[in-house]
Amino acid sequence: MQPQVMEQTELISKIEASLDTMRPYLGSDGGGVELIDITDDMTVRLRLTGACKTCPQSFMTMKAGIETAIKQAIPEVKSVIAIDLEPAL
């Protein structure tokens, strides 16, 4: 028997609440994050914006900060990925 998957609107709401805990930190460095979508296999796709898009630390921000916050709030999430990241020079 598969575990009950929460409603899409509830899932989005919980992800946005997790992102809201990170946004002040990202914003203090001129960056941000936006939810793009959630795939059927429970992968959350995000876009880092502003300074975060080209920051050399963006991978660590994703893994140690954003992904951890989302997975703690929503254990059903399998992975969190950033799209459209630009390589740091």
Protein backbone atom coordinates (compact mmCIF):
# COMPACT_ATOMS: atom_id res chain seq x y z
CA MET A 1 0.00 0.00 0.00
CA GLN A 2 1.41 3.39 -1.01
CA PRO A 3 1.44 6.28 1.46
CA GLN A 4 -1.21 8.94 0.92
CA VAL A 5 0.12 11.79 -1.21
CA MET A 6 -1.03 15.19 -0.02
CA GLU A 7 -3.13 17.46 -2.18
CA GLN A 8 -1.17 19.53 -4.71
CA THR A 9 -2.33 22.84 -3.18
CA GLU A 10 -1.28 21.71 0.31
CA LEU A 11 2.08 20.55 -1.04
CA ILE A 12 2.69 23.88 -2.79
CA SER A 13 1.68 25.75 0.35
CA LYS A 14 4.15 23.78 2.49
CA ILE A 15 6.96 24.24 -0.02
CA GLU A 16 6.30 28.00 -0.22
CA ALA A 17 6.32 28.17 3.59
CA SER A 18 9.71 26.41 3.63
CA LEU A 19 11.04 28.77 0.98
CA ASP A 20 9.75 31.73 2.99
CA THR A 21 12.10 30.71 5.82
CA MET A 22 15.04 30.96 3.40
CA ARG A 23 14.06 34.06 1.44
CA PRO A 24 15.29 36.62 4.01
CA TYR A 25 18.78 35.07 3.91
CA LEU A 26 18.84 34.92 0.13
CA GLY A 27 17.45 38.44 -0.14
CA SER A 28 20.11 39.85 2.16
CA ASP A 29 22.66 38.88 -0.51
CA GLY A 30 20.53 40.16 -3.40
CA GLY A 31 19.08 36.81 -4.37
CA GLY A 32 15.86 34.89 -4.26
CA VAL A 33 14.13 31.63 -5.09
CA GLU A 34 10.91 30.72 -6.84
CA LEU A 35 9.02 27.44 -7.12
CA ILE A 36 8.75 26.26 -10.73
CA ASP A 37 6.96 22.93 -10.31
CA ILE A 38 6.71 19.60 -8.56
CA THR A 39 7.11 16.53 -10.73
CA ASP A 40 5.08 13.35 -10.38
CA ASP A 41 8.08 11.64 -8.77
CA MET A 42 8.15 14.35 -6.04
CA THR A 43 11.10 16.35 -7.35
CA VAL A 44 10.80 20.04 -6.53
CA ARG A 45 12.14 22.28 -9.28
CA LEU A 46 13.22 25.76 -8.26
CA ARG A 47 14.79 28.78 -9.91
CA LEU A 48 17.40 30.77 -8.04
CA THR A 49 17.15 34.44 -8.94
CA GLY A 50 19.21 37.60 -8.63
CA ALA A 51 22.67 37.17 -7.15
CA CYS A 52 21.93 33.54 -6.26
CA LYS A 53 21.72 32.60 -9.93
CA THR A 54 25.46 33.12 -10.51
CA CYS A 55 26.82 32.76 -6.99
CA PRO A 56 29.65 30.23 -6.62
CA GLN A 57 27.98 29.04 -3.41
CA SER A 58 24.59 28.35 -5.04
CA PHE A 59 25.08 24.56 -4.93
CA MET A 60 25.66 24.70 -1.17
CA THR A 61 22.70 27.06 -0.75
CA MET A 62 20.52 24.52 -2.54
CA LYS A 63 21.72 21.42 -0.71
CA ALA A 64 22.47 22.65 2.80
CA GLY A 65 19.76 25.27 3.03
CA ILE A 66 16.81 25.06 0.70
CA GLU A 67 16.69 21.29 0.11
CA THR A 68 17.10 20.57 3.83
CA ALA A 69 14.31 22.97 4.78
CA ILE A 70 11.91 21.52 2.22
CA LYS A 71 12.66 17.87 3.04
CA GLN A 72 12.25 18.51 6.77
CA ALA A 73 8.83 20.07 6.17
CA ILE A 74 7.73 17.58 3.50
CA PRO A 75 9.47 14.19 3.85
CA GLU A 76 7.68 12.91 0.72
CA VAL A 77 9.89 15.14 -1.45
CA LYS A 78 12.56 13.00 -3.10
CA SER A 79 14.84 15.73 -4.43
CA VAL A 80 15.16 19.47 -4.92
CA ILE A 81 16.87 20.83 -8.01
CA ALA A 82 17.62 24.27 -9.37
CA ILE A 83 17.04 24.99 -13.03
CA ASP A 84 18.72 27.65 -15.14
CA LEU A 85 21.77 28.08 -12.92
CA GLU A 86 24.53 30.01 -14.62
CA PRO A 87 28.09 28.86 -14.00
CA ALA A 88 30.10 31.18 -11.77
CA LEU A 89 33.11 32.75 -13.45
